[in-house]
Structure formats: structure tokens, C-alpha cells
């Protein structure tokens, strides 16, 4: 194995895991290359589902993929740890020491040699330096954060239910800062939770006692999406009794309130930050690789970094140009999926002395899911290039298919079919909401 070309992928998110799966099945299985995945966690959950994990409508344990088990089935290696440095001349990446929950060092700092390096470390929330955001907001960048949110939410509902029983003031104020797809979908999931939990014993707290607000600095929610989609989403949120506050920049986040730019103070016992993203800060310190203001690695259209022909980047952490546009490829799951496909072809071509494959982003549209209530979206026509507005069951079908496509890329059609059947059985046997 030491004599084989070594391809190292850092980051087991949607794009990174799909890439190593394809490379392992094609190159690792036939011993044409050695494939290694590096990630700071042991399991993968599709990031667009984290808001469902947070609200309890999705059991992460049933949707996790263990990297070690997956690596064994798909002919690649897995290294647990967080990338912390890079030596481009020696072609080595540095993996930080791994510590357990008590702070004890389990594995010391390591160095991994590579022939080709792919960085796919995703993104984190960007609080834009807002005072109090880091100290007083909850974030949904990782499975660990989503689980923490879920526990805090259950405790908040339990506390308010007890206060209602005692006849005390028991309104629970929840604020979501940022009305992109994550913020809007989270609001709908939280409204569902407020209606489901009384069914499971918290019957002194009514859904109307849970005040949910979505705060957006732009003049409309979903500002990056078409106006018709934004208008439909606004109507649906209001129908679910979610307060929609647009044109309201947040100037400060306090322990139990949110302060608007105009000085208005909004009570908030739970505040979630879902506005803006940025790439991890350590990317700006990787041995001279070029980054933009959002810490994204600047890449060519082939996803090759501008400073090193043997280092590539994909997904949210990459600033990839688009032909005939002054904007880079948007940080979306479908973009990461497409980039993984293109880079797979490039890396296979390189072993055969062929040219790299330029990446061209195809926008297939956007879908916004309002939990079990409805789904709205627009699909891009392949021939006309025009978008088609859809909603209801048809839109929901397309929304679910996005996750199934991700599963097919990781498991194949047959196993995905089995997983789908198991999901159906699980829903019939377990509570509609995760209660612990």
C-alpha cells in the first residue's frame, strides 16, 4: 500500500464522504490508489438534516454512518482527528492530538503523507462579530451541537410545563437569527415540536405558549432564493404562527433577549444563530494557500487550489468560480454533490495521465420543507433554464429524494432501499418525536 498513490480527503461531510466512497470503490478496491479519509468525528449525518435532529423529529442514531465501518465496506482508510497544519514541500498534513471528553490525550499529534490532498471541511456559522452571539446563541454546525440543542429544548419545555402547572407565567420565547433555509425549516420543526410534546405528557403547555420568531436583516426571508418562493415561505410561517421579522439587523444578543439595530429588545430564552456561514479559520494558515475574506480556499474551475497543483478543495470551504458569473458556486449540498462527482473523474484521470475535469455548477432549484405541514420550492428546467414553482406532496417527494440520492451515493441502490424500508418501520414503532 505504501507504494500506491495516496489520496487524502479531509472532511467527511456530504461531498467528502461521497468522494472517498467513489474513490474507494473504484481505486481502493482494485489497489490502484490508497484512499484515506480524515475527520474529527466518528460518524456522519447529512448536514441539511441537523435542524431535524435538533427539534427531535429525526433520530440521529438511526441516520448516522460510522466512518470506520463504512471505510471497511468501501475500501478506504479512516483517520480520526482534526487537521491543524500543512507542509506542502514535504507533502504532509498535521493532525492535532485527539483528546477524550475529560481532556486526556488519546492519540498524539500525527503527520500523514499524501500525493493528492482534498480539503472538504465544510463551513461554520458566521456571527459577523455580533456582541454576545458566541456566549448566548446556540449553533447547528455539528451533530454534537444539534444534540445539545435538543436536550436544552426538552428541558425548556419541561420547565415551562411545570410553571404552567403552578399557575406561573410560562411563555417560552425562541428566536432564530437568520431566515435562510436552515432558519426557516428549523422554525417549522420547532412549531411541530410545540404541538407534539403535549401529546407525550407535557399537557399543561400549549403550542400558543411557545413564541417562535425568525429574524432576518434583509427585506425578505430566503433572500438568496426567488421572490415567489420567499413569499410562499412567509405565508406558511405565518400560518404556523411564527413571527417573521424582516429588515431587522441584530446588534447584540443577551442571555434572555435579542437587541435590534433600532434598539428594540425582543425577549428570548433560547436564541439560535442561523445567519451566514464562513469556512474554518485554520484554512487561512495552511502554508500559503490562497483564501478569500470568508476563509474559503480559492480554487480554479477544476477545484485545484491556486497555489498547489496537488491540493484540491470542494464544498462550502471552496470559492469556486462559475463561467459567465462574478459570483462563486453557492455553498449548497447539491453543489458539494456535483463537485464530488467532478473531482472523482479528475482524480481517476490523473492516474491515467489524462486532463482534469472542469467543474460546471448546474442549479437544479431549491426546496424548503416545513416539517410535516408542507414543502415549497422551485425546480430548474434542463432545457428552458426557467424555474417551475412546486408545493405540497410533489415538492415533498423531491425534497425527500435529495437525501435518498445522497444515500445511494454512499450505499448503492439496494442498501438504500433497505434503509428506506427500515425507516418506514421505525416511524411506525417509535414516537413521532424523540423524547430524550
Protein backbone atom coordinates (compact mmCIF):
# COMPACT_ATOMS: atom_id res chain seq x y z
CA UNK A 1 0.00 0.00 0.00
CA UNK A 2 2.90 2.39 0.69
CA UNK A 3 3.90 2.25 -2.99
CA UNK A 4 0.45 3.28 -4.20
CA UNK A 5 -0.52 6.91 -4.93
CA UNK A 6 -2.02 8.27 -1.70
CA UNK A 7 -5.17 10.40 -1.95
CA UNK A 8 -6.14 12.02 1.36
CA UNK A 9 -9.56 13.65 1.83
CA UNK A 10 -10.03 15.87 4.89
CA UNK A 11 -13.67 16.20 5.94
CA UNK A 12 -16.38 13.57 5.93
CA UNK A 13 -19.33 15.80 5.09
CA UNK A 14 -21.64 15.31 2.13
CA UNK A 15 -19.04 15.97 -0.57
CA UNK A 16 -16.02 14.45 1.18
CA UNK A 17 -17.72 11.19 2.12
CA UNK A 18 -19.25 10.75 -1.33
CA UNK A 19 -15.82 11.32 -2.87
CA UNK A 20 -13.94 8.77 -0.75
CA UNK A 21 -16.75 6.25 -1.28
CA UNK A 22 -16.42 6.55 -5.07
CA UNK A 23 -12.62 6.54 -4.95
CA UNK A 24 -12.56 3.54 -2.63
CA UNK A 25 -14.95 1.55 -4.81
CA UNK A 26 -13.05 2.40 -8.00
CA UNK A 27 -9.38 2.77 -7.00
CA UNK A 28 -9.04 1.36 -3.48
CA UNK A 29 -10.79 -1.91 -4.27
CA UNK A 30 -8.56 -2.51 -7.31
CA UNK A 31 -5.43 -1.37 -5.42
CA UNK A 32 -4.78 1.43 -7.88
CA UNK A 33 -4.51 4.02 -5.10
CA UNK A 34 -4.57 4.30 -1.33
CA UNK A 35 -7.54 6.36 -0.11
CA UNK A 36 -7.69 7.94 3.36
CA UNK A 37 -10.45 9.99 5.00
CA UNK A 38 -9.61 12.28 7.92
CA UNK A 39 -12.39 13.64 10.14
CA UNK A 40 -12.70 14.98 13.68
CA UNK A 41 -15.79 12.87 14.37
CA UNK A 42 -16.57 9.17 14.26
CA UNK A 43 -19.87 9.41 12.42
CA UNK A 44 -21.55 11.24 9.55
CA UNK A 45 -25.01 12.78 9.46
CA UNK A 46 -26.14 14.73 6.40
CA UNK A 47 -25.83 18.38 7.48
CA UNK A 48 -29.16 19.56 5.97
CA UNK A 49 -30.84 17.24 8.50
CA UNK A 50 -29.28 18.75 11.63
CA UNK A 51 -32.24 21.04 12.29
CA UNK A 52 -34.48 17.94 12.37
CA UNK A 53 -32.11 16.31 14.86
CA UNK A 54 -32.24 19.48 16.96
CA UNK A 55 -36.05 19.55 17.08
CA UNK A 56 -36.34 15.81 17.69
CA UNK A 57 -38.23 14.92 14.53
CA UNK A 58 -35.24 12.84 13.37
CA UNK A 59 -33.33 10.28 15.42
CA UNK A 60 -29.69 10.83 14.52
CA UNK A 61 -28.70 7.40 15.83
CA UNK A 62 -30.75 5.75 13.09
CA UNK A 63 -29.24 8.00 10.38
CA UNK A 64 -25.57 8.06 11.39
CA UNK A 65 -22.86 6.45 9.29
CA UNK A 66 -19.87 5.15 11.21
CA UNK A 67 -16.75 6.09 9.28
CA UNK A 68 -14.76 3.01 10.32
CA UNK A 69 -17.50 0.58 9.28
CA UNK A 70 -18.15 2.47 6.05
CA UNK A 71 -14.42 2.56 5.25
CA UNK A 72 -14.15 -1.21 5.58
CA UNK A 73 -17.04 -1.77 3.17
CA UNK A 74 -15.81 0.75 0.62
CA UNK A 75 -12.06 0.10 0.60
CA UNK A 76 -10.64 3.27 2.13
CA UNK A 77 -8.90 4.06 5.43
CA UNK A 78 -10.16 6.33 8.20
CA UNK A 79 -8.08 8.54 10.50
CA UNK A 80 -9.78 10.19 13.48
CA UNK A 81 -8.56 13.72 14.14
CA UNK A 82 -8.72 17.39 13.20
CA UNK A 83 -6.40 18.85 10.56
CA UNK A 84 -4.30 21.59 12.14
CA UNK A 85 -1.45 22.27 9.73
CA UNK A 86 0.18 21.60 6.37
CA UNK A 87 3.71 21.22 4.99
CA UNK A 88 3.35 21.49 1.23
CA UNK A 89 7.01 20.93 0.44
CA UNK A 90 7.11 17.64 2.37
CA UNK A 91 3.55 16.83 1.31
CA UNK A 92 2.43 16.22 4.88
CA UNK A 93 -0.68 17.32 6.73
CA UNK A 94 -0.72 17.69 10.50
CA UNK A 95 -3.43 16.05 12.60
CA UNK A 96 -3.95 17.62 16.02
CA UNK A 97 -3.84 15.44 19.16
CA UNK A 98 -7.14 13.71 19.95
CA UNK A 99 -8.50 14.11 23.48
CA UNK A 100 -11.36 12.36 25.25
CA UNK A 101 -14.24 14.16 26.97
CA UNK A 102 -12.17 14.50 30.16
CA UNK A 103 -9.30 16.18 28.32
CA UNK A 104 -6.94 13.20 28.38
CA UNK A 105 -4.83 12.71 25.26
CA UNK A 106 -5.83 9.54 23.44
CA UNK A 107 -3.70 9.91 20.30
CA UNK A 108 -0.79 12.36 19.94
CA UNK A 109 -0.17 14.71 17.02
CA UNK A 110 0.36 12.85 13.75
CA UNK A 111 1.67 13.59 10.26
CA UNK A 112 0.17 11.99 7.16
CA UNK A 113 1.95 12.00 3.82
CA UNK A 114 -0.10 12.48 0.67
CA UNK A 115 0.34 12.60 -3.07
CA UNK A 116 -3.01 14.34 -3.62
CA UNK A 117 -4.88 16.24 -0.91
CA UNK A 118 -8.56 17.18 -0.99
CA UNK A 119 -9.88 19.61 1.63
CA UNK A 120 -13.64 19.35 2.24
CA UNK A 121 -14.07 20.68 5.77
CA UNK A 122 -17.36 22.50 5.15
CA UNK A 123 -18.34 25.68 6.95
CA UNK A 124 -19.40 27.08 10.29
CA UNK A 125 -21.87 29.80 11.27
CA UNK A 126 -20.71 33.38 10.80
CA UNK A 127 -21.86 35.63 13.63
CA UNK A 128 -20.16 38.68 12.00
CA UNK A 129 -18.68 39.62 15.37
CA UNK A 130 -22.10 40.41 16.86
CA UNK A 131 -21.67 41.12 20.60
CA UNK A 132 -22.93 38.27 22.77
CA UNK A 133 -23.56 35.86 19.89
CA UNK A 134 -20.88 33.33 20.82
CA UNK A 135 -21.79 33.39 24.51
CA UNK A 136 -25.59 33.37 24.25
CA UNK A 137 -26.53 31.69 20.97
CA UNK A 138 -26.96 28.07 20.03
CA UNK A 139 -25.48 26.90 16.72
CA UNK A 140 -26.20 23.95 14.43
CA UNK A 141 -22.86 23.33 12.75
CA UNK A 142 -22.38 19.78 14.03
CA UNK A 143 -24.22 16.74 15.31
CA UNK A 144 -22.93 17.46 18.81
CA UNK A 145 -24.45 20.95 18.72
CA UNK A 146 -27.75 19.62 17.35
CA UNK A 147 -27.98 17.09 20.17
CA UNK A 148 -27.17 19.74 22.75
CA UNK A 149 -29.91 21.94 21.31
CA UNK A 150 -32.39 19.07 21.53
CA UNK A 151 -31.62 18.45 25.20
CA UNK A 152 -31.91 22.15 26.04
CA UNK A 153 -35.19 22.36 24.15
CA UNK A 154 -36.70 19.41 26.04
CA UNK A 155 -35.58 20.90 29.34
CA UNK A 156 -37.05 24.30 28.42
CA UNK A 157 -40.40 22.71 27.53
CA UNK A 158 -40.38 20.67 30.74
CA UNK A 159 -39.60 23.74 32.84
CA UNK A 160 -42.36 25.80 31.22
CA UNK A 161 -44.84 22.93 31.56
CA UNK A 162 -44.12 22.82 35.32
CA UNK A 163 -44.51 26.60 35.60
CA UNK A 164 -47.87 26.34 33.81
CA UNK A 165 -48.95 23.66 36.30
CA UNK A 166 -48.16 26.07 39.14
CA UNK A 167 -50.05 28.91 37.52
CA UNK A 168 -46.91 30.98 36.83
CA UNK A 169 -46.01 32.93 33.68
CA UNK A 170 -44.85 30.23 31.28
CA UNK A 171 -44.36 31.71 27.80
CA UNK A 172 -41.29 30.25 26.10
CA UNK A 173 -39.70 32.72 23.68
CA UNK A 174 -37.50 31.23 20.96
CA UNK A 175 -35.63 33.42 18.45
CA UNK A 176 -33.95 32.26 15.26
CA UNK A 177 -31.49 34.79 13.83
CA UNK A 178 -31.24 34.29 10.08
CA UNK A 179 -34.00 33.32 7.67
CA UNK A 180 -32.13 31.23 5.18
CA UNK A 181 -33.20 27.64 4.54
CA UNK A 182 -31.92 26.39 7.92
CA UNK A 183 -33.63 29.11 9.94
CA UNK A 184 -36.96 28.79 8.14
CA UNK A 185 -37.05 24.99 8.30
CA UNK A 186 -36.00 24.99 11.96
CA UNK A 187 -38.88 27.34 12.82
CA UNK A 188 -41.37 24.90 11.28
CA UNK A 189 -39.80 21.96 13.11
CA UNK A 190 -39.98 23.79 16.44
CA UNK A 191 -43.63 24.62 15.86
CA UNK A 192 -44.27 20.92 15.25
CA UNK A 193 -42.44 20.07 18.49
CA UNK A 194 -44.60 22.55 20.41
CA UNK A 195 -47.70 20.70 19.17
CA UNK A 196 -46.37 17.17 19.63
CA UNK A 197 -44.87 17.34 23.13
CA UNK A 198 -48.24 17.88 24.90
CA UNK A 199 -49.30 14.54 23.41
CA UNK A 200 -46.47 12.92 25.38
CA UNK A 201 -47.31 14.27 28.83
CA UNK A 202 -46.45 17.99 28.74
CA UNK A 203 -50.15 18.81 28.50
CA UNK A 204 -50.07 21.95 30.64
CA UNK A 205 -48.03 23.80 28.00
CA UNK A 206 -49.95 24.79 24.87
CA UNK A 207 -48.45 25.41 21.47
CA UNK A 208 -49.62 29.02 21.73
CA UNK A 209 -47.41 29.39 24.83
CA UNK A 210 -44.34 28.87 22.64
CA UNK A 211 -43.49 32.07 20.79
CA UNK A 212 -41.18 31.49 17.80
CA UNK A 213 -39.62 34.42 15.94
CA UNK A 214 -37.50 34.41 12.78
CA UNK A 215 -35.28 37.49 12.45
CA UNK A 216 -33.79 38.46 9.08
CA UNK A 217 -31.62 41.50 8.31
CA UNK A 218 -32.68 41.53 4.64
CA UNK A 219 -36.04 42.84 3.47
CA UNK A 220 -37.44 39.33 2.96
CA UNK A 221 -36.76 35.81 4.21
CA UNK A 222 -34.80 33.42 1.97
CA UNK A 223 -33.12 36.43 0.32
CA UNK A 224 -30.92 34.25 -1.92
CA UNK A 225 -33.94 32.48 -3.45
CA UNK A 226 -36.64 33.69 -5.88
CA UNK A 227 -39.19 36.19 -4.56
CA UNK A 228 -42.15 33.89 -5.17
CA UNK A 229 -40.55 31.20 -3.02
CA UNK A 230 -39.83 33.74 -0.29
CA UNK A 231 -43.43 34.97 -0.32
CA UNK A 232 -44.81 31.42 -0.11
CA UNK A 233 -42.47 30.62 2.79
CA UNK A 234 -43.54 33.77 4.62
CA UNK A 235 -47.21 32.86 4.26
CA UNK A 236 -46.57 29.33 5.56
CA UNK A 237 -44.60 30.53 8.59
CA UNK A 238 -47.33 33.00 9.48
CA UNK A 239 -49.94 30.26 9.05
CA UNK A 240 -47.97 28.26 11.62
CA UNK A 241 -47.98 31.27 13.98
CA UNK A 242 -44.27 32.01 13.57
CA UNK A 243 -43.39 35.70 13.80
CA UNK A 244 -41.44 36.87 10.74
CA UNK A 245 -39.30 39.97 11.38
CA UNK A 246 -37.53 41.23 8.24
CA UNK A 247 -35.30 44.26 7.76
CA UNK A 248 -34.21 43.75 11.36
CA UNK A 249 -30.41 43.52 11.82
CA UNK A 250 -29.37 42.22 15.25
CA UNK A 251 -26.89 44.42 17.11
CA UNK A 252 -26.47 42.35 20.30
CA UNK A 253 -27.50 39.04 21.82
CA UNK A 254 -28.04 38.93 25.59
CA UNK A 255 -28.72 35.99 27.88
CA UNK A 256 -32.51 36.32 27.68
CA UNK A 257 -33.10 38.80 24.87
CA UNK A 258 -32.10 39.95 21.41
CA UNK A 259 -31.37 43.64 20.73
CA UNK A 260 -32.25 45.00 17.28
CA UNK A 261 -30.31 47.74 15.49
CA UNK A 262 -33.13 50.22 16.20
CA UNK A 263 -32.91 49.45 19.93
CA UNK A 264 -35.93 47.15 20.15
CA UNK A 265 -35.44 44.37 22.72
CA UNK A 266 -37.04 41.00 21.97
CA UNK A 267 -37.39 38.52 24.89
CA UNK A 268 -35.66 35.23 24.06
CA UNK A 269 -34.88 32.32 26.39
CA UNK A 270 -33.47 30.27 23.51
CA UNK A 271 -31.63 32.04 20.69
CA UNK A 272 -30.34 30.19 17.64
CA UNK A 273 -27.85 31.74 15.21
CA UNK A 274 -28.52 30.63 11.62
CA UNK A 275 -27.34 33.70 9.69
CA UNK A 276 -24.38 33.40 7.35
CA UNK A 277 -21.52 30.95 7.04
CA UNK A 278 -17.75 31.05 6.84
CA UNK A 279 -15.04 28.48 6.29
CA UNK A 280 -12.96 27.33 9.30
CA UNK A 281 -10.31 29.87 10.33
CA UNK A 282 -7.38 27.41 10.17
CA UNK A 283 -7.60 27.37 6.36
CA UNK A 284 -6.03 30.84 6.29
CA UNK A 285 -2.87 29.37 7.87
CA UNK A 286 -2.23 26.42 5.54
CA UNK A 287 1.28 27.08 4.25
CA UNK A 288 0.40 29.88 1.84
CA UNK A 289 -2.77 28.55 0.24
CA UNK A 290 -4.92 31.42 -1.06
CA UNK A 291 -8.14 32.21 0.82
CA UNK A 292 -10.82 34.89 0.48
CA UNK A 293 -12.36 37.07 3.20
CA UNK A 294 -14.63 34.23 4.30
CA UNK A 295 -11.62 31.90 4.82
CA UNK A 296 -12.62 29.85 1.75
CA UNK A 297 -9.80 28.30 -0.26
CA UNK A 298 -9.67 29.95 -3.68
CA UNK A 299 -9.71 27.29 -6.39
CA UNK A 300 -9.66 27.09 -10.17
CA UNK A 301 -12.64 25.73 -12.09
CA UNK A 302 -11.03 22.28 -11.79
CA UNK A 303 -11.27 22.67 -7.96
CA UNK A 304 -7.47 22.80 -7.82
CA UNK A 305 -6.13 25.38 -5.36
CA UNK A 306 -4.42 28.36 -6.97
CA UNK A 307 -1.10 27.78 -5.19
CA UNK A 308 -0.65 24.00 -5.38
CA UNK A 309 -1.47 21.62 -8.24
CA UNK A 310 -1.76 18.64 -5.87
CA UNK A 311 -4.24 20.20 -3.44
CA UNK A 312 -7.95 20.48 -4.20
CA UNK A 313 -10.94 21.83 -2.27
CA UNK A 314 -14.67 21.28 -2.59
CA UNK A 315 -17.93 22.17 -0.87
CA UNK A 316 -18.55 25.13 1.42
CA UNK A 317 -14.85 25.67 2.16
CA UNK A 318 -14.01 26.29 -1.53
CA UNK A 319 -14.51 29.51 -3.51
CA UNK A 320 -15.02 28.08 -6.99
CA UNK A 321 -15.62 30.39 -9.98
CA UNK A 322 -18.58 29.96 -12.29
CA UNK A 323 -18.36 30.63 -16.04
CA UNK A 324 -20.10 33.87 -17.07
CA UNK A 325 -20.67 34.92 -13.45
CA UNK A 326 -18.83 37.12 -10.98
CA UNK A 327 -20.13 35.02 -8.07
CA UNK A 328 -18.60 31.75 -6.88
CA UNK A 329 -20.51 28.49 -6.67
CA UNK A 330 -23.07 28.82 -3.83
CA UNK A 331 -22.45 26.83 -0.61
CA UNK A 332 -25.21 24.26 -1.05
CA UNK A 333 -25.46 20.49 -0.68
CA UNK A 334 -26.20 19.97 -4.36
CA UNK A 335 -23.04 21.89 -5.26
CA UNK A 336 -20.92 19.66 -3.00
CA UNK A 337 -22.51 16.56 -4.55
CA UNK A 338 -21.74 17.77 -8.07
CA UNK A 339 -18.19 18.78 -7.13
CA UNK A 340 -17.54 15.34 -5.63
CA UNK A 341 -18.58 13.76 -8.94
CA UNK A 342 -16.34 16.08 -10.98
CA UNK A 343 -13.35 15.65 -8.69
CA UNK A 344 -13.75 11.86 -8.72
CA UNK A 345 -13.36 11.95 -12.51
CA UNK A 346 -10.36 14.28 -12.24
CA UNK A 347 -8.51 12.10 -9.73
CA UNK A 348 -9.14 8.96 -11.78
CA UNK A 349 -7.96 10.78 -14.92
CA UNK A 350 -4.74 11.86 -13.20
CA UNK A 351 -3.72 8.26 -12.57
CA UNK A 352 -4.12 7.62 -16.29
CA UNK A 353 -2.29 10.77 -17.38
CA UNK A 354 -5.47 12.47 -18.60
CA UNK A 355 -6.64 16.06 -18.12
CA UNK A 356 -8.53 17.46 -15.15
CA UNK A 357 -12.30 17.89 -15.45
CA UNK A 358 -13.60 21.49 -15.20
CA UNK A 359 -16.49 21.83 -12.77
CA UNK A 360 -19.68 23.47 -14.04
CA UNK A 361 -22.42 24.01 -11.48
CA UNK A 362 -25.97 23.10 -12.50
CA UNK A 363 -28.60 24.69 -10.27
CA UNK A 364 -31.46 22.20 -10.01
CA UNK A 365 -33.56 24.56 -7.89
CA UNK A 366 -34.36 24.96 -4.20
CA UNK A 367 -36.74 23.23 -1.82
CA UNK A 368 -37.87 24.42 1.60
CA UNK A 369 -39.51 21.88 3.89
CA UNK A 370 -41.95 23.00 6.59
CA UNK A 371 -41.77 19.82 8.64
CA UNK A 372 -44.95 17.72 8.21
CA UNK A 373 -47.00 20.70 7.13
CA UNK A 374 -45.90 21.32 3.53
CA UNK A 375 -42.94 21.81 1.20
CA UNK A 376 -42.40 24.59 -1.33
CA UNK A 377 -39.72 25.06 -3.95
CA UNK A 378 -38.67 25.75 -7.48
CA UNK A 379 -37.12 23.33 -9.97
CA UNK A 380 -34.88 24.48 -12.81
CA UNK A 381 -35.81 23.24 -16.28
CA UNK A 382 -32.94 21.45 -18.03
CA UNK A 383 -33.98 22.66 -21.49
CA UNK A 384 -35.57 26.05 -20.96
CA UNK A 385 -33.46 27.14 -17.99
CA UNK A 386 -36.62 28.56 -16.42
CA UNK A 387 -37.80 27.63 -12.95
CA UNK A 388 -41.05 25.88 -12.08
CA UNK A 389 -42.75 26.58 -8.74
CA UNK A 390 -43.97 23.47 -6.87
CA UNK A 391 -45.52 22.84 -3.47
CA UNK A 392 -47.28 20.22 -1.39
CA UNK A 393 -46.80 16.49 -1.83
CA UNK A 394 -44.93 16.79 -5.13
CA UNK A 395 -42.41 19.19 -3.60
CA UNK A 396 -42.10 16.95 -0.54
CA UNK A 397 -41.30 13.98 -2.79
CA UNK A 398 -38.48 15.91 -4.46
CA UNK A 399 -37.20 17.08 -1.06
CA UNK A 400 -37.01 13.54 0.31
CA UNK A 401 -35.33 12.35 -2.88
CA UNK A 402 -32.36 14.66 -2.23
CA UNK A 403 -31.44 12.70 0.89
CA UNK A 404 -32.08 9.39 -0.83
CA UNK A 405 -29.71 10.42 -3.63
CA UNK A 406 -27.05 11.09 -1.01
CA UNK A 407 -27.68 7.65 0.49
CA UNK A 408 -27.46 6.00 -2.95
CA UNK A 409 -24.06 7.66 -3.45
CA UNK A 410 -22.88 6.19 -0.14
CA UNK A 411 -24.61 2.79 -0.07
CA UNK A 412 -25.88 1.93 -3.52
CA UNK A 413 -29.46 1.44 -4.67
CA UNK A 414 -30.20 -1.89 -2.95
CA UNK A 415 -28.99 -0.89 0.51
CA UNK A 416 -30.73 2.49 0.23
CA UNK A 417 -33.97 0.64 -0.50
CA UNK A 418 -33.46 -1.45 2.64
CA UNK A 419 -32.73 1.70 4.67
CA UNK A 420 -35.91 3.31 3.34
CA UNK A 421 -37.94 0.27 4.41
CA UNK A 422 -36.35 0.29 7.87
CA UNK A 423 -37.17 3.99 8.20
CA UNK A 424 -40.81 3.23 7.49
CA UNK A 425 -40.87 0.50 10.15
CA UNK A 426 -39.09 2.73 12.66
CA UNK A 427 -41.66 5.52 12.22
CA UNK A 428 -44.47 3.08 12.86
CA UNK A 429 -42.88 1.72 16.05
CA UNK A 430 -41.42 4.81 17.71
CA UNK A 431 -42.83 8.14 18.96
CA UNK A 432 -43.25 10.89 16.38
CA UNK A 433 -40.75 12.99 18.34
CA UNK A 434 -37.51 11.98 20.03
CA UNK A 435 -38.18 12.40 23.75
CA UNK A 436 -34.67 12.02 25.21
